[in-house]
Amino acid sequence: MSLPAVPSPAAALRLRGRVFGPERPVVMAVVNRTPDSFYAAARYDESTADAAVARAAQEGADLVDVGGVRAGRGPAVDAAEEIARVVPLVERVRDRHPELLVSVDTWRAEVAAAAADAGADLINDTWAGHDPRLVEVAAARGLGVVCSHTGGAVPRTDPFRVAYPPQAPGADPLDGVVDDVVATVSAGARRAVELGVDPASVLVDPTHDFGKTTWHSVHLVRRTQALVALGYPVLMALSRKDFVGESLDLPPEERLEGTLAATAVAAWLGARVFRVHDVRATRRVLDMVATIRGERPPARAVRGLA
């Protein structure tokens, strides 16, 4: 009987000189400095954000992703307010948790520049280069950058009847979204490298839910290897998203198991970095998948030997 081969190893991630190989899947903890995040438990203000960072570090996070604006629709937040929410926290993380890398979730170049000055290591551009200057900031400051896909959607908008026709005759109709994602993030990654960003510091993110239906997002998990084949570290932001909730008919508060199932599949298929609300549970799932893949030894292996 022929068994399926273990998928190809994930690309290594390098940020500010630190390298994460396949034996260490990367956990990116969400720390939203917003009062209106879709997941109430992830809303942190100035008095609670520091404790959230400390907890993430204790539970096994490698990165914290600090955001100052809700991704979806909501009250307007200008660049000055976003900077006020994000930059002081970045400074405190850099000072108090030198072992943690810091990502900033923004689409604005001026916010990225202020975050870079405060000590950020990565710019998480979840709106697919809406501000083309943002990647220039990352290149000039020696930061990593996330290249994402929104299907042309602009910041803080929700998808409506989006469609991605497949390019190949007779292909799975859902492969159109894979084709579009691959083309978009490849172009973004090439531009980042041409500007001088280290290729190992360029992450590609299919960006589930953004500019996509639930069918699209589920299919992108299924086709994770198409992103891995590009040769860049693949970021998956799956945590408690609507495609998980709609698949299981559950609200954000009850989407942990669905998130972890999608996480395990994507990790097995070679995704590298996971943006999460639940650090400890995700760390354990990813470490177990890495052990099954043969990339990480068991922490303790005495059964049958002692």
Protein backbone atom coordinates (compact mmCIF):
# COMPACT_ATOMS: atom_id res chain seq x y z
CA MET A 1 0.00 0.00 0.00
CA SER A 2 1.40 3.39 -1.01
CA LEU A 3 0.95 6.15 1.55
CA PRO A 4 0.88 9.88 0.74
CA ALA A 5 4.23 11.59 1.11
CA VAL A 6 4.78 14.20 3.80
CA PRO A 7 4.33 17.60 2.10
CA SER A 8 7.46 19.61 1.35
CA PRO A 9 9.07 21.49 4.24
CA ALA A 10 7.97 25.06 4.81
CA ALA A 11 10.27 27.92 3.92
CA ALA A 12 12.32 29.30 6.80
CA LEU A 13 11.34 32.67 8.26
CA ARG A 14 13.98 35.26 9.11
CA LEU A 15 13.21 38.48 10.99
CA ARG A 16 15.86 40.80 12.40
CA GLY A 17 18.44 38.00 12.27
CA ARG A 18 16.31 35.36 13.98
CA VAL A 19 15.62 32.27 11.90
CA PHE A 20 12.68 29.92 12.39
CA GLY A 21 13.14 26.59 10.65
CA PRO A 22 10.53 23.86 10.14
CA GLU A 23 11.07 22.52 13.65
CA ARG A 24 9.62 25.73 15.10
CA PRO A 25 6.22 26.67 13.64
CA VAL A 26 5.66 30.35 14.33
CA VAL A 27 2.81 31.59 16.52
CA MET A 28 1.76 35.22 16.01
CA ALA A 29 -0.45 36.41 18.87
CA VAL A 30 -3.19 38.93 18.10
CA VAL A 31 -3.15 41.98 20.36
CA ASN A 32 -5.77 44.41 19.09
CA ARG A 33 -5.73 47.91 20.54
CA THR A 34 -9.28 48.38 19.37
CA PRO A 35 -12.59 48.68 21.23
CA ASP A 36 -14.57 46.96 18.48
CA SER A 37 -12.72 43.82 17.35
CA PHE A 38 -15.10 41.16 15.99
CA TYR A 39 -13.98 38.88 18.83
CA ALA A 40 -14.76 40.58 22.13
CA ALA A 41 -12.09 38.70 24.07
CA ALA A 42 -9.39 40.26 21.85
CA ARG A 43 -10.28 43.88 22.60
CA TYR A 44 -7.53 45.48 24.65
CA ASP A 45 -7.21 49.03 25.89
CA GLU A 46 -4.21 50.84 27.35
CA SER A 47 -4.77 49.19 30.73
CA THR A 48 -5.05 45.58 29.50
CA ALA A 49 -2.78 45.31 26.46
CA ASP A 50 0.45 44.81 28.43
CA ALA A 51 -1.01 41.85 30.31
CA ALA A 52 -2.17 40.35 27.01
CA VAL A 53 1.37 40.55 25.62
CA ALA A 54 2.87 39.00 28.74
CA ARG A 55 0.35 36.17 28.61
CA ALA A 56 1.09 35.53 24.93
CA ALA A 57 4.81 35.33 25.65
CA GLN A 58 4.25 32.91 28.54
CA GLU A 59 2.01 30.68 26.41
CA GLY A 60 4.54 30.29 23.60
CA ALA A 61 4.09 33.13 21.12
CA ASP A 62 7.05 34.06 18.93
CA LEU A 63 5.46 37.22 17.53
CA VAL A 64 2.82 39.65 18.68
CA ASP A 65 0.73 41.37 16.02
CA VAL A 66 -0.43 44.78 17.24
CA GLY A 67 -3.38 46.36 15.46
CA GLY A 68 -5.10 49.69 15.97
CA VAL A 69 -8.03 49.54 13.54
CA ARG A 70 -10.81 46.99 13.23
CA ALA A 71 -10.55 45.19 9.87
CA GLY A 72 -14.26 45.43 9.13
CA ARG A 73 -16.66 48.33 9.03
CA GLY A 74 -16.85 50.63 12.03
CA PRO A 75 -16.08 54.15 13.28
CA ALA A 76 -13.39 55.99 11.34
CA VAL A 77 -9.87 55.87 12.78
CA ASP A 78 -7.37 58.28 11.24
CA ALA A 79 -3.61 57.69 11.06
CA ALA A 80 -2.88 59.85 14.11
CA GLU A 81 -5.28 57.85 16.27
CA GLU A 82 -3.95 54.56 14.91
CA ILE A 83 -0.40 55.61 15.78
CA ALA A 84 -1.51 56.66 19.27
CA ARG A 85 -3.05 53.25 19.84
CA VAL A 86 -0.22 51.17 18.41
CA VAL A 87 3.17 52.83 18.84
CA PRO A 88 3.33 53.12 22.66
CA LEU A 89 2.53 49.42 22.94
CA VAL A 90 5.20 48.51 20.40
CA GLU A 91 7.72 50.49 22.43
CA ARG A 92 6.75 48.70 25.65
CA VAL A 93 6.90 45.26 24.04
CA ARG A 94 10.35 46.01 22.67
CA ASP A 95 11.50 47.16 26.10
CA ARG A 96 9.86 44.52 28.29
CA HIS A 97 9.89 41.44 26.06
CA PRO A 98 13.11 41.44 24.02
CA GLU A 99 12.53 37.77 23.13
CA LEU A 100 9.34 38.62 21.25
CA LEU A 101 9.22 39.84 17.69
CA VAL A 102 6.72 42.60 16.97
CA SER A 103 4.40 42.88 13.98
CA VAL A 104 2.10 45.82 13.26
CA ASP A 105 -1.16 45.25 11.40
CA THR A 106 -1.64 48.36 9.24
CA TRP A 107 -2.16 49.39 5.63
CA ARG A 108 -0.82 52.95 6.15
CA ALA A 109 2.80 53.86 5.37
CA GLU A 110 2.92 56.58 8.02
CA VAL A 111 1.82 54.12 10.71
CA ALA A 112 4.39 51.60 9.48
CA ALA A 113 7.14 54.21 9.68
CA ALA A 114 6.20 55.21 13.23
CA ALA A 115 6.05 51.54 14.24
CA ALA A 116 9.46 50.91 12.69
CA ASP A 117 10.91 53.77 14.73
CA ALA A 118 9.37 52.19 17.84
CA GLY A 119 11.06 48.84 17.16
CA ALA A 120 8.66 46.79 15.03
CA ASP A 121 10.10 43.84 13.09
CA LEU A 122 7.30 43.10 10.61
CA ILE A 123 4.56 45.03 8.83
CA ASN A 124 1.40 42.99 8.37
CA ASP A 125 -0.25 44.64 5.37
CA THR A 126 -3.63 42.92 5.42
CA TRP A 127 -5.02 45.13 2.64
CA ALA A 128 -2.78 43.95 -0.20
CA GLY A 129 -0.70 47.03 -0.91
CA HIS A 130 -3.55 49.56 -0.78
CA ASP A 131 -0.85 52.09 0.14
CA PRO A 132 2.04 51.24 -2.21
CA ARG A 133 4.48 53.21 -0.03
CA LEU A 134 4.10 50.76 2.84
CA VAL A 135 6.41 48.12 1.39
CA GLU A 136 8.93 50.87 0.67
CA VAL A 137 8.96 51.67 4.38
CA ALA A 138 9.59 48.00 5.21
CA ALA A 139 12.47 47.83 2.73
CA ALA A 140 14.05 51.08 3.87
CA ARG A 141 13.89 50.15 7.56
CA GLY A 142 14.98 46.52 7.22
CA LEU A 143 11.63 45.08 8.27
CA GLY A 144 9.73 42.06 7.03
CA VAL A 145 6.42 42.46 5.24
CA VAL A 146 3.27 40.41 4.71
CA CYS A 147 1.92 40.31 1.14
CA SER A 148 -1.80 39.64 1.25
CA HIS A 149 -4.82 39.24 -1.05
CA THR A 150 -8.19 40.99 -0.91
CA GLY A 151 -9.41 40.57 -4.47
CA GLY A 152 -9.23 44.32 -4.96
CA ALA A 153 -11.27 45.18 -1.87
CA VAL A 154 -10.30 48.42 -0.16
CA PRO A 155 -9.67 48.73 3.59
CA ARG A 156 -12.54 48.12 5.96
CA THR A 157 -15.02 46.80 3.43
CA ASP A 158 -16.84 43.47 3.39
CA PRO A 159 -17.09 41.13 0.37
CA PHE A 160 -20.29 41.01 -1.66
CA ARG A 161 -20.91 38.39 -4.35
CA VAL A 162 -17.21 38.11 -5.20
CA ALA A 163 -16.24 35.66 -7.94
CA TYR A 164 -12.94 34.34 -9.27
CA PRO A 165 -13.33 32.46 -12.58
CA PRO A 166 -10.79 29.64 -12.99
CA GLN A 167 -8.12 30.18 -15.62
CA ALA A 168 -7.89 26.60 -16.89
CA PRO A 169 -10.78 25.03 -18.83
CA GLY A 170 -12.41 22.25 -16.84
CA ALA A 171 -10.72 23.24 -13.59
CA ASP A 172 -12.44 23.12 -10.24
CA PRO A 173 -14.54 26.32 -10.18
CA LEU A 174 -13.02 27.22 -6.83
CA ASP A 175 -9.49 27.11 -8.22
CA GLY A 176 -10.08 30.59 -9.60
CA VAL A 177 -9.55 32.07 -6.16
CA VAL A 178 -6.32 30.09 -5.78
CA ASP A 179 -5.09 31.42 -9.13
CA ASP A 180 -5.90 34.99 -8.13
CA VAL A 181 -4.29 34.67 -4.71
CA VAL A 182 -1.12 33.14 -6.12
CA ALA A 183 -0.82 35.86 -8.79
CA THR A 184 -1.46 38.69 -6.33
CA VAL A 185 0.85 37.61 -3.52
CA SER A 186 3.57 36.60 -5.98
CA ALA A 187 3.53 40.09 -7.49
CA GLY A 188 3.61 41.67 -4.05
CA ALA A 189 6.48 39.45 -2.92
CA ARG A 190 8.51 40.19 -6.08
CA ARG A 191 8.11 43.92 -5.54
CA ALA A 192 9.18 43.62 -1.91
CA VAL A 193 12.32 41.67 -2.85
CA GLU A 194 13.13 44.09 -5.68
CA LEU A 195 12.95 46.95 -3.18
CA GLY A 196 15.39 45.14 -0.90
CA VAL A 197 13.34 43.14 1.60
CA ASP A 198 15.04 39.86 2.53
CA PRO A 199 13.10 37.07 0.73
CA ALA A 200 13.02 35.09 3.98
CA SER A 201 11.31 38.10 5.60
CA VAL A 202 8.56 38.25 2.96
CA LEU A 203 5.46 36.36 4.06
CA VAL A 204 2.53 35.52 1.80
CA ASP A 205 -0.99 35.39 3.18
CA PRO A 206 -4.09 34.17 1.30
CA THR A 207 -6.06 36.39 3.71
CA HIS A 208 -9.10 34.27 4.45
CA ASP A 209 -12.46 36.10 4.56
CA PHE A 210 -11.05 39.29 2.99
CA GLY A 211 -12.67 39.63 -0.44
CA LYS A 212 -13.83 36.01 -0.24
CA THR A 213 -16.82 33.82 0.41
CA THR A 214 -16.73 30.98 2.92
CA TRP A 215 -16.34 28.52 0.02
CA HIS A 216 -13.28 30.46 -1.17
CA SER A 217 -11.67 30.47 2.26
CA VAL A 218 -12.26 26.76 2.87
CA HIS A 219 -10.78 25.95 -0.54
CA LEU A 220 -7.70 28.04 0.20
CA VAL A 221 -7.01 25.96 3.29
CA ARG A 222 -7.40 22.84 1.16
CA ARG A 223 -4.94 24.26 -1.39
CA THR A 224 -2.32 25.56 1.05
CA GLN A 225 0.44 23.82 -0.93
CA ALA A 226 -0.13 26.16 -3.87
CA LEU A 227 1.06 29.01 -1.64
CA VAL A 228 3.88 27.00 -0.06
CA ALA A 229 5.22 26.22 -3.54
CA LEU A 230 6.02 29.91 -4.06
CA GLY A 231 8.98 29.51 -1.70
CA TYR A 232 8.07 32.20 0.83
CA PRO A 233 6.93 31.60 4.42
CA VAL A 234 3.13 31.27 4.36
CA LEU A 235 1.09 33.12 6.97
CA MET A 236 -2.34 31.83 7.88
CA ALA A 237 -4.75 34.14 9.73
CA LEU A 238 -7.53 31.64 10.41
CA SER A 239 -8.36 32.36 14.01
CA ARG A 240 -12.09 32.39 14.76
CA LYS A 241 -12.86 33.83 11.32
CA ASP A 242 -16.28 33.87 9.69
CA PHE A 243 -15.50 30.99 7.34
CA VAL A 244 -14.93 28.82 10.42
CA GLY A 245 -18.10 30.13 12.03
CA GLU A 246 -20.21 29.61 8.91
CA SER A 247 -18.80 26.13 8.36
CA LEU A 248 -19.90 25.11 11.85
CA ASP A 249 -22.71 27.65 12.43
CA LEU A 250 -21.00 29.08 15.50
CA PRO A 251 -20.32 32.58 16.87
CA PRO A 252 -16.73 33.84 17.37
CA GLU A 253 -16.72 32.73 21.00
CA GLU A 254 -17.23 29.07 20.00
CA ARG A 255 -14.88 28.75 17.02
CA LEU A 256 -11.74 27.45 18.72
CA GLU A 257 -12.04 23.78 17.69
CA GLY A 258 -12.82 24.70 14.09
CA THR A 259 -9.87 27.08 14.04
CA LEU A 260 -7.52 24.42 15.39
CA ALA A 261 -8.73 21.88 12.81
CA ALA A 262 -8.02 24.31 9.98
CA THR A 263 -4.68 25.17 11.61
CA ALA A 264 -3.59 21.54 11.77
CA VAL A 265 -4.47 20.97 8.09
CA ALA A 266 -2.65 24.11 6.94
CA ALA A 267 0.40 23.29 9.08
CA TRP A 268 0.56 19.74 7.72
CA LEU A 269 0.46 21.19 4.19
CA GLY A 270 3.37 23.52 4.92
CA ALA A 271 2.07 26.84 6.23
CA ARG A 272 4.65 28.48 8.45
CA VAL A 273 3.19 31.29 10.58
CA PHE A 274 -0.20 31.39 12.32
CA ARG A 275 -1.91 34.56 13.52
CA VAL A 276 -4.03 33.50 16.50
CA HIS A 277 -6.12 34.56 19.46
CA ASP A 278 -5.50 31.32 21.39
CA VAL A 279 -1.75 30.98 21.80
CA ARG A 280 -1.36 27.97 24.10
CA ALA A 281 -3.77 25.74 22.18
CA THR A 282 -2.25 26.71 18.84
CA ARG A 283 1.31 26.19 20.08
CA ARG A 284 0.44 22.63 21.11
CA VAL A 285 -1.32 21.83 17.84
CA LEU A 286 1.54 23.18 15.73
CA ASP A 287 4.21 21.40 17.76
CA MET A 288 2.32 18.12 17.44
CA VAL A 289 1.95 18.56 13.67
CA ALA A 290 5.67 19.33 13.38
CA THR A 291 6.44 16.15 15.32
CA ILE A 292 4.19 14.05 13.08
CA ARG A 293 5.87 15.60 10.03
CA GLY A 294 9.24 14.49 11.47
CA GLU A 295 10.56 18.04 11.88
CA ARG A 296 10.42 18.26 15.68
CA PRO A 297 11.35 15.49 18.14
CA PRO A 298 9.01 14.65 20.99
CA ALA A 299 9.69 16.72 24.07
CA ARG A 300 9.99 13.45 26.01
CA ALA A 301 10.13 9.92 24.59
CA VAL A 302 10.46 7.25 27.27
CA ARG A 303 7.45 5.02 26.65
CA GLY A 304 8.64 1.47 26.04
CA LEU A 305 12.23 2.45 26.81
CA ALA A 306 12.27 2.69 30.58
